[in-house]
PDB file of N, CA and C in Angstrom:
ATOM      1  N   UNK A   1     -14.638   6.935 -23.043  1.00  0.00           N
ATOM      2  CA  UNK A   1     -13.776   5.969 -22.401  1.00  0.00           C
ATOM      3  C   UNK A   1     -12.321   6.430 -22.442  1.00  0.00           C
ATOM      4  N   UNK A   2     -11.887   6.961 -23.573  1.00  0.00           N
ATOM      5  CA  UNK A   2     -10.512   7.421 -23.715  1.00  0.00           C
ATOM      6  C   UNK A   2     -10.244   8.611 -22.803  1.00  0.00           C
ATOM      7  N   UNK A   3     -11.224   9.514 -22.681  1.00  0.00           N
ATOM      8  CA  UNK A   3     -11.045  10.683 -21.818  1.00  0.00           C
ATOM      9  C   UNK A   3     -10.930  10.256 -20.356  1.00  0.00           C
ATOM     10  N   UNK A   4     -11.713   9.272 -19.950  1.00  0.00           N
ATOM     11  CA  UNK A   4     -11.649   8.785 -18.573  1.00  0.00           C
ATOM     12  C   UNK A   4     -10.307   8.114 -18.301  1.00  0.00           C
ATOM     13  N   UNK A   5      -9.798   7.383 -19.271  1.00  0.00           N
ATOM     14  CA  UNK A   5      -8.498   6.724 -19.118  1.00  0.00           C
ATOM     15  C   UNK A   5      -7.376   7.755 -19.005  1.00  0.00           C
ATOM     16  N   UNK A   6      -7.425   8.781 -19.818  1.00  0.00           N
ATOM     17  CA  UNK A   6      -6.409   9.834 -19.759  1.00  0.00           C
ATOM     18  C   UNK A   6      -6.486  10.577 -18.427  1.00  0.00           C
ATOM     19  N   UNK A   7      -7.700  10.852 -17.946  1.00  0.00           N
ATOM     20  CA  UNK A   7      -7.860  11.531 -16.655  1.00  0.00           C
ATOM     21  C   UNK A   7      -7.338  10.656 -15.519  1.00  0.00           C
ATOM     22  N   UNK A   8      -7.634   9.361 -15.552  1.00  0.00           N
ATOM     23  CA  UNK A   8      -7.156   8.444 -14.516  1.00  0.00           C
ATOM     24  C   UNK A   8      -5.634   8.341 -14.554  1.00  0.00           C
ATOM     25  N   UNK A   9      -5.056   8.287 -15.737  1.00  0.00           N
ATOM     26  CA  UNK A   9      -3.608   8.222 -15.884  1.00  0.00           C
ATOM     27  C   UNK A   9      -2.953   9.500 -15.370  1.00  0.00           C
ATOM     28  N   UNK A  10      -3.571  10.640 -15.653  1.00  0.00           N
ATOM     29  CA  UNK A  10      -3.061  11.921 -15.162  1.00  0.00           C
ATOM     30  C   UNK A  10      -3.065  11.968 -13.637  1.00  0.00           C
ATOM     31  N   UNK A  11      -4.153  11.522 -13.021  1.00  0.00           N
ATOM     32  CA  UNK A  11      -4.239  11.499 -11.559  1.00  0.00           C
ATOM     33  C   UNK A  11      -3.189  10.554 -10.981  1.00  0.00           C
ATOM     34  N   UNK A  12      -2.991   9.391 -11.611  1.00  0.00           N
ATOM     35  CA  UNK A  12      -1.994   8.436 -11.136  1.00  0.00           C
ATOM     36  C   UNK A  12      -0.587   9.024 -11.179  1.00  0.00           C
ATOM     37  N   UNK A  13      -0.234   9.662 -12.290  1.00  0.00           N
ATOM     38  CA  UNK A  13       1.107  10.255 -12.425  1.00  0.00           C
ATOM     39  C   UNK A  13       1.284  11.394 -11.427  1.00  0.00           C
ATOM     40  N   UNK A  14       0.277  12.230 -11.270  1.00  0.00           N
ATOM     41  CA  UNK A  14       0.354  13.333 -10.324  1.00  0.00           C
ATOM     42  C   UNK A  14       0.490  12.810  -8.890  1.00  0.00           C
ATOM     43  N   UNK A  15      -0.263  11.782  -8.534  1.00  0.00           N
ATOM     44  CA  UNK A  15      -0.172  11.192  -7.193  1.00  0.00           C
ATOM     45  C   UNK A  15       1.189  10.548  -6.969  1.00  0.00           C
ATOM     46  N   UNK A  16       1.748   9.930  -8.004  1.00  0.00           N
ATOM     47  CA  UNK A  16       3.069   9.313  -7.876  1.00  0.00           C
ATOM     48  C   UNK A  16       4.142  10.355  -7.586  1.00  0.00           C
ATOM     49  N   UNK A  17       4.142  11.445  -8.329  1.00  0.00           N
ATOM     50  CA  UNK A  17       5.123  12.508  -8.098  1.00  0.00           C
ATOM     51  C   UNK A  17       4.938  13.144  -6.721  1.00  0.00           C
ATOM     52  N   UNK A  18       3.690  13.390  -6.338  1.00  0.00           N
ATOM     53  CA  UNK A  18       3.418  13.994  -5.034  1.00  0.00           C
ATOM     54  C   UNK A  18       3.877  13.071  -3.901  1.00  0.00           C
ATOM     55  N   UNK A  19       3.555  11.791  -4.005  1.00  0.00           N
ATOM     56  CA  UNK A  19       3.983  10.827  -2.992  1.00  0.00           C
ATOM     57  C   UNK A  19       5.484  10.731  -2.894  1.00  0.00           C
ATOM     58  N   UNK A  20       6.160  10.724  -4.016  1.00  0.00           N
ATOM     59  CA  UNK A  20       7.623  10.659  -4.023  1.00  0.00           C
ATOM     60  C   UNK A  20       8.231  11.864  -3.320  1.00  0.00           C
ATOM     61  N   UNK A  21       7.717  13.041  -3.611  1.00  0.00           N
ATOM     62  CA  UNK A  21       8.242  14.257  -2.985  1.00  0.00           C
ATOM     63  C   UNK A  21       7.959  14.274  -1.492  1.00  0.00           C
ATOM     64  N   UNK A  22       6.789  13.826  -1.075  1.00  0.00           N
ATOM     65  CA  UNK A  22       6.456  13.819   0.347  1.00  0.00           C
ATOM     66  C   UNK A  22       7.340  12.833   1.099  1.00  0.00           C
ATOM     67  N   UNK A  23       7.524  11.641   0.559  1.00  0.00           N
ATOM     68  CA  UNK A  23       8.326  10.624   1.229  1.00  0.00           C
ATOM     69  C   UNK A  23       9.788  11.051   1.324  1.00  0.00           C
ATOM     70  N   UNK A  24      10.288  11.726   0.328  1.00  0.00           N
ATOM     71  CA  UNK A  24      11.683  12.190   0.365  1.00  0.00           C
ATOM     72  C   UNK A  24      11.934  13.224   1.454  1.00  0.00           C
ATOM     73  N   UNK A  25      10.905  13.955   1.856  1.00  0.00           N
ATOM     74  CA  UNK A  25      11.062  15.016   2.853  1.00  0.00           C
ATOM     75  C   UNK A  25      10.883  14.514   4.287  1.00  0.00           C
ATOM     76  N   UNK A  26      10.525  13.254   4.492  1.00  0.00           N
ATOM     77  CA  UNK A  26      10.279  12.724   5.834  1.00  0.00           C
ATOM     78  C   UNK A  26      11.606  12.390   6.509  1.00  0.00           C
ATOM     79  N   UNK A  27      11.829  12.900   7.725  1.00  0.00           N
ATOM     80  CA  UNK A  27      13.066  12.554   8.430  1.00  0.00           C
ATOM     81  C   UNK A  27      13.047  11.092   8.878  1.00  0.00           C
ATOM     82  N   UNK A  28      14.222  10.481   9.044  1.00  0.00           N
ATOM     83  CA  UNK A  28      14.283   9.049   9.400  1.00  0.00           C
ATOM     84  C   UNK A  28      13.553   8.687  10.687  1.00  0.00           C
ATOM     85  N   UNK A  29      13.456   9.615  11.653  1.00  0.00           N
ATOM     86  CA  UNK A  29      12.777   9.294  12.912  1.00  0.00           C
ATOM     87  C   UNK A  29      11.273   9.120  12.745  1.00  0.00           C
ATOM     88  N   UNK A  30      10.732   9.601  11.661  1.00  0.00           N
ATOM     89  CA  UNK A  30       9.290   9.476  11.432  1.00  0.00           C
ATOM     90  C   UNK A  30       8.921   8.328  10.504  1.00  0.00           C
ATOM     91  N   UNK A  31       9.893   7.572  10.022  1.00  0.00           N
ATOM     92  CA  UNK A  31       9.582   6.517   9.064  1.00  0.00           C
ATOM     93  C   UNK A  31       8.715   5.419   9.664  1.00  0.00           C
ATOM     94  N   UNK A  32       8.946   5.041  10.939  1.00  0.00           N
ATOM     95  CA  UNK A  32       8.161   3.968  11.537  1.00  0.00           C
ATOM     96  C   UNK A  32       6.685   4.339  11.648  1.00  0.00           C
ATOM     97  N   UNK A  33       6.326   5.510  12.200  1.00  0.00           N
ATOM     98  CA  UNK A  33       4.900   5.866  12.228  1.00  0.00           C
ATOM     99  C   UNK A  33       4.301   6.015  10.833  1.00  0.00           C
ATOM    100  N   UNK A  34       5.111   6.494   9.905  1.00  0.00           N
ATOM    101  CA  UNK A  34       4.622   6.643   8.536  1.00  0.00           C
ATOM    102  C   UNK A  34       4.329   5.279   7.920  1.00  0.00           C
ATOM    103  N   UNK A  35       5.192   4.289   8.211  1.00  0.00           N
ATOM    104  CA  UNK A  35       4.961   2.926   7.710  1.00  0.00           C
ATOM    105  C   UNK A  35       3.672   2.357   8.283  1.00  0.00           C
ATOM    106  N   UNK A  36       3.392   2.619   9.556  1.00  0.00           N
ATOM    107  CA  UNK A  36       2.165   2.114  10.170  1.00  0.00           C
ATOM    108  C   UNK A  36       0.939   2.714   9.483  1.00  0.00           C
ATOM    109  N   UNK A  37       1.011   3.983   9.186  1.00  0.00           N
ATOM    110  CA  UNK A  37      -0.096   4.614   8.466  1.00  0.00           C
ATOM    111  C   UNK A  37      -0.251   4.061   7.064  1.00  0.00           C
ATOM    112  N   UNK A  38       0.862   3.806   6.409  1.00  0.00           N
ATOM    113  CA  UNK A  38       0.813   3.234   5.056  1.00  0.00           C
ATOM    114  C   UNK A  38       0.224   1.831   5.090  1.00  0.00           C
ATOM    115  N   UNK A  39       0.505   1.076   6.147  1.00  0.00           N
ATOM    116  CA  UNK A  39      -0.071  -0.260   6.268  1.00  0.00           C
ATOM    117  C   UNK A  39      -1.585  -0.198   6.408  1.00  0.00           C
ATOM    118  N   UNK A  40      -2.078   0.784   7.145  1.00  0.00           N
ATOM    119  CA  UNK A  40      -3.522   0.947   7.293  1.00  0.00           C
ATOM    120  C   UNK A  40      -4.165   1.282   5.943  1.00  0.00           C
ATOM    121  N   UNK A  41      -3.509   2.125   5.173  1.00  0.00           N
ATOM    122  CA  UNK A  41      -4.027   2.477   3.851  1.00  0.00           C
ATOM    123  C   UNK A  41      -3.999   1.254   2.931  1.00  0.00           C
ATOM    124  N   UNK A  42      -2.966   0.424   3.060  1.00  0.00           N
ATOM    125  CA  UNK A  42      -2.894  -0.792   2.250  1.00  0.00           C
ATOM    126  C   UNK A  42      -4.017  -1.756   2.610  1.00  0.00           C
ATOM    127  N   UNK A  43      -4.432  -1.749   3.868  1.00  0.00           N
ATOM    128  CA  UNK A  43      -5.585  -2.562   4.258  1.00  0.00           C
ATOM    129  C   UNK A  43      -6.842  -2.131   3.525  1.00  0.00           C
ATOM    130  N   UNK A  44      -6.978  -0.846   3.291  1.00  0.00           N
ATOM    131  CA  UNK A  44      -8.115  -0.345   2.514  1.00  0.00           C
ATOM    132  C   UNK A  44      -8.008  -0.828   1.070  1.00  0.00           C
ATOM    133  N   UNK A  45      -6.779  -0.930   0.555  1.00  0.00           N
ATOM    134  CA  UNK A  45      -6.575  -1.440  -0.807  1.00  0.00           C
ATOM    135  C   UNK A  45      -7.015  -2.890  -0.912  1.00  0.00           C
ATOM    136  N   UNK A  46      -6.841  -3.664   0.164  1.00  0.00           N
ATOM    137  CA  UNK A  46      -7.304  -5.062   0.155  1.00  0.00           C
ATOM    138  C   UNK A  46      -8.827  -5.098   0.028  1.00  0.00           C
ATOM    139  N   UNK A  47      -9.502  -4.235   0.756  1.00  0.00           N
ATOM    140  CA  UNK A  47     -10.971  -4.193   0.684  1.00  0.00           C
ATOM    141  C   UNK A  47     -11.417  -3.809  -0.726  1.00  0.00           C
ATOM    142  N   UNK A  48     -10.744  -2.818  -1.316  1.00  0.00           N
ATOM    143  CA  UNK A  48     -11.076  -2.436  -2.694  1.00  0.00           C
ATOM    144  C   UNK A  48     -10.834  -3.570  -3.671  1.00  0.00           C
ATOM    145  N   UNK A  49      -9.749  -4.308  -3.462  1.00  0.00           N
ATOM    146  CA  UNK A  49      -9.451  -5.441  -4.339  1.00  0.00           C
ATOM    147  C   UNK A  49     -10.512  -6.529  -4.188  1.00  0.00           C
ATOM    148  N   UNK A  50     -10.989  -6.737  -2.969  1.00  0.00           N
ATOM    149  CA  UNK A  50     -12.057  -7.718  -2.758  1.00  0.00           C
ATOM    150  C   UNK A  50     -13.346  -7.300  -3.467  1.00  0.00           C
ATOM    151  N   UNK A  51     -13.629  -6.009  -3.437  1.00  0.00           N
ATOM    152  CA  UNK A  51     -14.827  -5.526  -4.133  1.00  0.00           C
ATOM    153  C   UNK A  51     -14.716  -5.725  -5.640  1.00  0.00           C
ATOM    154  N   UNK A  52     -13.529  -5.474  -6.182  1.00  0.00           N
ATOM    155  CA  UNK A  52     -13.321  -5.646  -7.620  1.00  0.00           C
ATOM    156  C   UNK A  52     -13.420  -7.115  -7.999  1.00  0.00           C
ATOM    157  N   UNK A  53     -12.833  -7.974  -7.174  1.00  0.00           N
ATOM    158  CA  UNK A  53     -12.847  -9.405  -7.514  1.00  0.00           C
ATOM    159  C   UNK A  53     -14.224 -10.017  -7.311  1.00  0.00           C
ATOM    160  N   UNK A  54     -15.087  -9.350  -6.553  1.00  0.00           N
ATOM    161  CA  UNK A  54     -16.425  -9.879  -6.314  1.00  0.00           C
ATOM    162  C   UNK A  54     -17.342  -9.778  -7.527  1.00  0.00           C
ATOM    163  N   UNK A  55     -17.075  -8.844  -8.412  1.00  0.00           N
ATOM    164  CA  UNK A  55     -17.900  -8.697  -9.609  1.00  0.00           C
ATOM    165  C   UNK A  55     -17.523  -9.790 -10.604  1.00  0.00           C
ATOM    166  N   UNK A  56     -18.485 -10.545 -11.020  1.00  0.00           N
ATOM    167  CA  UNK A  56     -18.208 -11.669 -11.923  1.00  0.00           C
ATOM    168  C   UNK A  56     -18.679 -11.358 -13.345  1.00  0.00           C
ATOM    169  N   UNK A  57     -18.371 -10.169 -13.817  1.00  0.00           N
ATOM    170  CA  UNK A  57     -18.770  -9.794 -15.166  1.00  0.00           C
ATOM    171  C   UNK A  57     -17.998 -10.605 -16.199  1.00  0.00           C
ATOM    172  N   UNK A  58     -16.703 -10.651 -16.035  1.00  0.00           N
ATOM    173  CA  UNK A  58     -15.856 -11.394 -16.967  1.00  0.00           C
ATOM    174  C   UNK A  58     -14.801 -12.164 -16.188  1.00  0.00           C
ATOM    175  N   UNK A  59     -14.171 -13.117 -16.842  1.00  0.00           N
ATOM    176  CA  UNK A  59     -13.080 -13.851 -16.208  1.00  0.00           C
ATOM    177  C   UNK A  59     -11.891 -12.933 -15.946  1.00  0.00           C
ATOM    178  N   UNK A  60     -11.703 -11.936 -16.813  1.00  0.00           N
ATOM    179  CA  UNK A  60     -10.590 -11.009 -16.649  1.00  0.00           C
ATOM    180  C   UNK A  60     -10.717 -10.224 -15.347  1.00  0.00           C
ATOM    181  N   UNK A  61     -11.931  -9.774 -15.011  1.00  0.00           N
ATOM    182  CA  UNK A  61     -12.103  -9.017 -13.770  1.00  0.00           C
ATOM    183  C   UNK A  61     -11.855  -9.889 -12.552  1.00  0.00           C
ATOM    184  N   UNK A  62     -12.225 -11.154 -12.614  1.00  0.00           N
ATOM    185  CA  UNK A  62     -11.974 -12.073 -11.499  1.00  0.00           C
ATOM    186  C   UNK A  62     -10.475 -12.322 -11.346  1.00  0.00           C
ATOM    187  N   UNK A  63      -9.778 -12.530 -12.454  1.00  0.00           N
ATOM    188  CA  UNK A  63      -8.331 -12.782 -12.404  1.00  0.00           C
ATOM    189  C   UNK A  63      -7.593 -11.546 -11.899  1.00  0.00           C
ATOM    190  N   UNK A  64      -7.928 -10.379 -12.439  1.00  0.00           N
ATOM    191  CA  UNK A  64      -7.278  -9.148 -11.989  1.00  0.00           C
ATOM    192  C   UNK A  64      -7.604  -8.854 -10.523  1.00  0.00           C
ATOM    193  N   UNK A  65      -8.828  -9.143 -10.107  1.00  0.00           N
ATOM    194  CA  UNK A  65      -9.206  -8.967  -8.701  1.00  0.00           C
ATOM    195  C   UNK A  65      -8.412  -9.878  -7.795  1.00  0.00           C
ATOM    196  N   UNK A  66      -8.215 -11.131  -8.204  1.00  0.00           N
ATOM    197  CA  UNK A  66      -7.421 -12.070  -7.412  1.00  0.00           C
ATOM    198  C   UNK A  66      -5.977 -11.596  -7.294  1.00  0.00           C
ATOM    199  N   UNK A  67      -5.421 -11.142  -8.404  1.00  0.00           N
ATOM    200  CA  UNK A  67      -4.047 -10.628  -8.384  1.00  0.00           C
ATOM    201  C   UNK A  67      -3.958  -9.415  -7.460  1.00  0.00           C
ATOM    202  N   UNK A  68      -4.967  -8.534  -7.510  1.00  0.00           N
ATOM    203  CA  UNK A  68      -4.974  -7.345  -6.652  1.00  0.00           C
ATOM    204  C   UNK A  68      -5.052  -7.731  -5.182  1.00  0.00           C
ATOM    205  N   UNK A  69      -5.870  -8.720  -4.849  1.00  0.00           N
ATOM    206  CA  UNK A  69      -5.986  -9.169  -3.460  1.00  0.00           C
ATOM    207  C   UNK A  69      -4.659  -9.738  -2.976  1.00  0.00           C
ATOM    208  N   UNK A  70      -4.023 -10.569  -3.785  1.00  0.00           N
ATOM    209  CA  UNK A  70      -2.759 -11.188  -3.390  1.00  0.00           C
ATOM    210  C   UNK A  70      -1.679 -10.121  -3.194  1.00  0.00           C
ATOM    211  N   UNK A  71      -1.535  -9.212  -4.139  1.00  0.00           N
ATOM    212  CA  UNK A  71      -0.488  -8.195  -4.036  1.00  0.00           C
ATOM    213  C   UNK A  71      -0.736  -7.231  -2.869  1.00  0.00           C
ATOM    214  N   UNK A  72      -1.983  -6.835  -2.667  1.00  0.00           N
ATOM    215  CA  UNK A  72      -2.284  -5.938  -1.548  1.00  0.00           C
ATOM    216  C   UNK A  72      -2.056  -6.643  -0.216  1.00  0.00           C
ATOM    217  N   UNK A  73      -2.374  -7.924  -0.139  1.00  0.00           N
ATOM    218  CA  UNK A  73      -2.141  -8.680   1.098  1.00  0.00           C
ATOM    219  C   UNK A  73      -0.647  -8.811   1.385  1.00  0.00           C
ATOM    220  N   UNK A  74       0.139  -9.076   0.349  1.00  0.00           N
ATOM    221  CA  UNK A  74       1.594  -9.142   0.524  1.00  0.00           C
ATOM    222  C   UNK A  74       2.122  -7.796   1.012  1.00  0.00           C
ATOM    223  N   UNK A  75       1.596  -6.715   0.477  1.00  0.00           N
ATOM    224  CA  UNK A  75       2.014  -5.378   0.879  1.00  0.00           C
ATOM    225  C   UNK A  75       1.692  -5.123   2.350  1.00  0.00           C
ATOM    226  N   UNK A  76       0.502  -5.521   2.793  1.00  0.00           N
ATOM    227  CA  UNK A  76       0.110  -5.306   4.187  1.00  0.00           C
ATOM    228  C   UNK A  76       0.988  -6.124   5.127  1.00  0.00           C
ATOM    229  N   UNK A  77       1.125  -7.409   4.856  1.00  0.00           N
ATOM    230  CA  UNK A  77       1.914  -8.289   5.731  1.00  0.00           C
ATOM    231  C   UNK A  77       3.380  -7.855   5.753  1.00  0.00           C
ATOM    232  N   UNK A  78       3.945  -7.580   4.599  1.00  0.00           N
ATOM    233  CA  UNK A  78       5.337  -7.141   4.535  1.00  0.00           C
ATOM    234  C   UNK A  78       5.546  -5.821   5.253  1.00  0.00           C
ATOM    235  N   UNK A  79       4.605  -4.909   5.121  1.00  0.00           N
ATOM    236  CA  UNK A  79       4.719  -3.622   5.810  1.00  0.00           C
ATOM    237  C   UNK A  79       4.696  -3.777   7.315  1.00  0.00           C
ATOM    238  N   UNK A  80       3.812  -4.642   7.818  1.00  0.00           N
ATOM    239  CA  UNK A  80       3.772  -4.852   9.262  1.00  0.00           C
ATOM    240  C   UNK A  80       5.034  -5.550   9.755  1.00  0.00           C
ATOM    241  N   UNK A  81       5.585  -6.465   8.969  1.00  0.00           N
ATOM    242  CA  UNK A  81       6.831  -7.120   9.371  1.00  0.00           C
ATOM    243  C   UNK A  81       7.991  -6.130   9.430  1.00  0.00           C
ATOM    244  N   UNK A  82       8.065  -5.253   8.445  1.00  0.00           N
ATOM    245  CA  UNK A  82       9.130  -4.242   8.435  1.00  0.00           C
ATOM    246  C   UNK A  82       8.957  -3.286   9.610  1.00  0.00           C
ATOM    247  N   UNK A  83       7.715  -2.863   9.879  1.00  0.00           N
ATOM    248  CA  UNK A  83       7.465  -1.966  10.998  1.00  0.00           C
ATOM    249  C   UNK A  83       7.837  -2.628  12.318  1.00  0.00           C
ATOM    250  N   UNK A  84       7.472  -3.898  12.489  1.00  0.00           N
ATOM    251  CA  UNK A  84       7.810  -4.618  13.711  1.00  0.00           C
ATOM    252  C   UNK A  84       9.323  -4.728  13.880  1.00  0.00           C
ATOM    253  N   UNK A  85      10.002  -5.009  12.799  1.00  0.00           N
ATOM    254  CA  UNK A  85      11.469  -5.111  12.875  1.00  0.00           C
ATOM    255  C   UNK A  85      12.102  -3.776  13.238  1.00  0.00           C
ATOM    256  N   UNK A  86      11.575  -2.695  12.682  1.00  0.00           N
ATOM    257  CA  UNK A  86      12.099  -1.369  13.016  1.00  0.00           C
ATOM    258  C   UNK A  86      11.837  -1.043  14.485  1.00  0.00           C
ATOM    259  N   UNK A  87      10.670  -1.412  15.002  1.00  0.00           N
ATOM    260  CA  UNK A  87      10.367  -1.145  16.403  1.00  0.00           C
ATOM    261  C   UNK A  87      11.237  -1.990  17.333  1.00  0.00           C
ATOM    262  N   UNK A  88      11.616  -3.179  16.907  1.00  0.00           N
ATOM    263  CA  UNK A  88      12.501  -4.027  17.710  1.00  0.00           C
ATOM    264  C   UNK A  88      13.864  -3.366  17.892  1.00  0.00           C
ATOM    265  N   UNK A  89      14.276  -2.565  16.943  1.00  0.00           N
ATOM    266  CA  UNK A  89      15.568  -1.891  17.046  1.00  0.00           C
ATOM    267  C   UNK A  89      15.588  -0.873  18.179  1.00  0.00           C
ATOM    268  N   UNK A  90      14.405  -0.341  18.554  1.00  0.00           N
ATOM    269  CA  UNK A  90      14.337   0.685  19.575  1.00  0.00           C
ATOM    270  C   UNK A  90      14.145   0.125  20.979  1.00  0.00           C
ATOM    271  N   UNK A  91      13.888  -1.160  21.103  1.00  0.00           N
ATOM    272  CA  UNK A  91      13.706  -1.772  22.418  1.00  0.00           C
ATOM    273  C   UNK A  91      15.041  -1.883  23.122  1.00  0.00           C
ATOM    274  N   UNK A  92      15.005  -1.695  24.430  1.00  0.00           N
ATOM    275  CA  UNK A  92      16.242  -1.845  25.225  1.00  0.00           C
ATOM    276  C   UNK A  92      16.553  -3.320  25.369  1.00  0.00           C
ATOM    277  N   UNK A  93      17.819  -3.632  25.275  1.00  0.00           N
ATOM    278  CA  UNK A  93      18.245  -5.011  25.419  1.00  0.00           C
ATOM    279  C   UNK A  93      18.356  -5.344  26.903  1.00  0.00           C
ATOM    280  N   UNK A  94      17.935  -6.574  27.269  1.00  0.00           N
ATOM    281  CA  UNK A  94      17.993  -7.004  28.657  1.00  0.00           C
ATOM    282  C   UNK A  94      19.449  -7.204  29.078  1.00  0.00           C
ATOM    283  N   UNK A  95      19.734  -6.850  30.321  1.00  0.00           N
ATOM    284  CA  UNK A  95      21.105  -7.016  30.836  1.00  0.00           C
ATOM    285  C   UNK A  95      21.390  -8.494  31.032  1.00  0.00           C
ATOM    286  N   UNK A  96      22.527  -8.955  30.530  1.00  0.00           N
ATOM    287  CA  UNK A  96      22.867 -10.360  30.632  1.00  0.00           C
ATOM    288  C   UNK A  96      23.697 -10.646  31.855  1.00  0.00           C
TER     289      UNK A  96
END
Protein backbone atom coordinates (compact mmCIF):
# COMPACT_ATOMS: atom_id res chain seq x y z
CA UNK A 1 0.00 0.00 0.00
CA UNK A 2 2.81 2.42 0.87
CA UNK A 3 4.64 1.67 -2.39
CA UNK A 4 1.48 2.35 -4.40
CA UNK A 5 0.94 5.63 -2.57
CA UNK A 6 4.52 6.74 -3.21
CA UNK A 7 4.22 5.79 -6.90
CA UNK A 8 0.92 7.68 -7.23
CA UNK A 9 2.41 10.72 -5.49
CA UNK A 10 5.44 10.59 -7.79
CA UNK A 11 3.22 10.49 -10.89
CA UNK A 12 1.13 13.40 -9.54
CA UNK A 13 4.19 15.58 -8.88
CA UNK A 14 5.71 14.72 -12.26
CA UNK A 15 2.42 15.50 -14.06
CA UNK A 16 2.12 18.79 -12.17
CA UNK A 17 5.58 19.96 -13.23
CA UNK A 18 5.05 18.80 -16.81
CA UNK A 19 1.67 20.56 -17.04
CA UNK A 20 3.10 23.76 -15.61
CA UNK A 21 5.94 23.80 -18.13
CA UNK A 22 3.62 23.06 -21.06
CA UNK A 23 1.11 25.76 -20.09
CA UNK A 24 3.86 28.35 -19.66
CA UNK A 25 5.05 27.77 -23.24
CA UNK A 26 1.61 28.30 -24.86
CA UNK A 27 1.26 31.62 -26.70
CA UNK A 28 -1.75 33.79 -25.75
CA UNK A 29 -3.47 33.21 -29.12
CA UNK A 30 -3.80 29.51 -28.35
CA UNK A 31 -5.25 29.84 -24.85
CA UNK A 32 -8.90 29.70 -25.99
CA UNK A 33 -8.59 26.38 -27.89
CA UNK A 34 -6.48 25.01 -25.07
CA UNK A 35 -9.21 25.95 -22.56
CA UNK A 36 -11.80 24.12 -24.67
CA UNK A 37 -9.67 21.01 -24.64
CA UNK A 38 -9.15 21.31 -20.90
CA UNK A 39 -12.91 21.56 -20.42
CA UNK A 40 -13.39 18.30 -22.31
CA UNK A 41 -10.81 16.61 -20.09
CA UNK A 42 -12.58 18.00 -17.01
CA UNK A 43 -15.77 16.37 -18.27
CA UNK A 44 -13.95 13.06 -18.10
CA UNK A 45 -13.02 13.91 -14.49
CA UNK A 46 -16.75 14.27 -13.72
CA UNK A 47 -17.37 10.76 -15.05
CA UNK A 48 -14.51 9.41 -12.93
CA UNK A 49 -15.88 11.20 -9.88
CA UNK A 50 -19.30 9.65 -10.52
CA UNK A 51 -17.73 6.21 -10.69
CA UNK A 52 -15.91 6.77 -7.40
CA UNK A 53 -19.01 8.08 -5.66
CA UNK A 54 -21.04 5.12 -6.93
CA UNK A 55 -19.13 2.63 -4.79
CA UNK A 56 -20.80 2.42 -1.41
CA UNK A 57 -18.03 0.65 0.47
CA UNK A 58 -17.74 3.29 3.16
CA UNK A 59 -19.28 6.64 3.99
CA UNK A 60 -15.89 8.24 3.35
CA UNK A 61 -15.85 7.10 -0.29
CA UNK A 62 -19.36 8.48 -0.82
CA UNK A 63 -18.45 11.84 0.76
CA UNK A 64 -15.19 12.13 -1.18
CA UNK A 65 -17.00 11.11 -4.38
CA UNK A 66 -19.63 13.80 -3.83
CA UNK A 67 -16.93 16.41 -3.24
CA UNK A 68 -15.14 15.25 -6.41
CA UNK A 69 -18.34 15.51 -8.47
CA UNK A 70 -19.08 19.02 -7.18
CA UNK A 71 -15.54 20.32 -7.74
CA UNK A 72 -15.21 18.76 -11.20
CA UNK A 73 -18.61 20.18 -12.20
CA UNK A 74 -17.59 23.65 -11.02
CA UNK A 75 -14.39 23.30 -13.05
CA UNK A 76 -16.30 22.33 -16.21
CA UNK A 77 -18.92 25.08 -15.93
CA UNK A 78 -16.37 27.74 -15.00
CA UNK A 79 -14.09 26.70 -17.85
CA UNK A 80 -16.87 26.96 -20.40
CA UNK A 81 -17.89 30.37 -19.05
CA UNK A 82 -14.32 31.66 -19.30
CA UNK A 83 -13.96 30.23 -22.82
CA UNK A 84 -17.24 31.84 -23.90
CA UNK A 85 -16.17 35.18 -22.48
CA UNK A 86 -12.84 34.97 -24.29
CA UNK A 87 -14.59 34.15 -27.57
CA UNK A 88 -16.93 37.13 -27.09
CA UNK A 89 -13.86 39.38 -27.13
CA UNK A 90 -13.10 38.29 -30.71
CA UNK A 91 -16.58 38.96 -32.11
CA UNK A 92 -17.01 42.08 -34.22
CA UNK A 93 -19.16 44.72 -32.65
CA UNK A 94 -22.29 45.74 -34.57
CA UNK A 95 -22.22 49.23 -36.08
CA UNK A 96 -24.44 51.58 -34.12
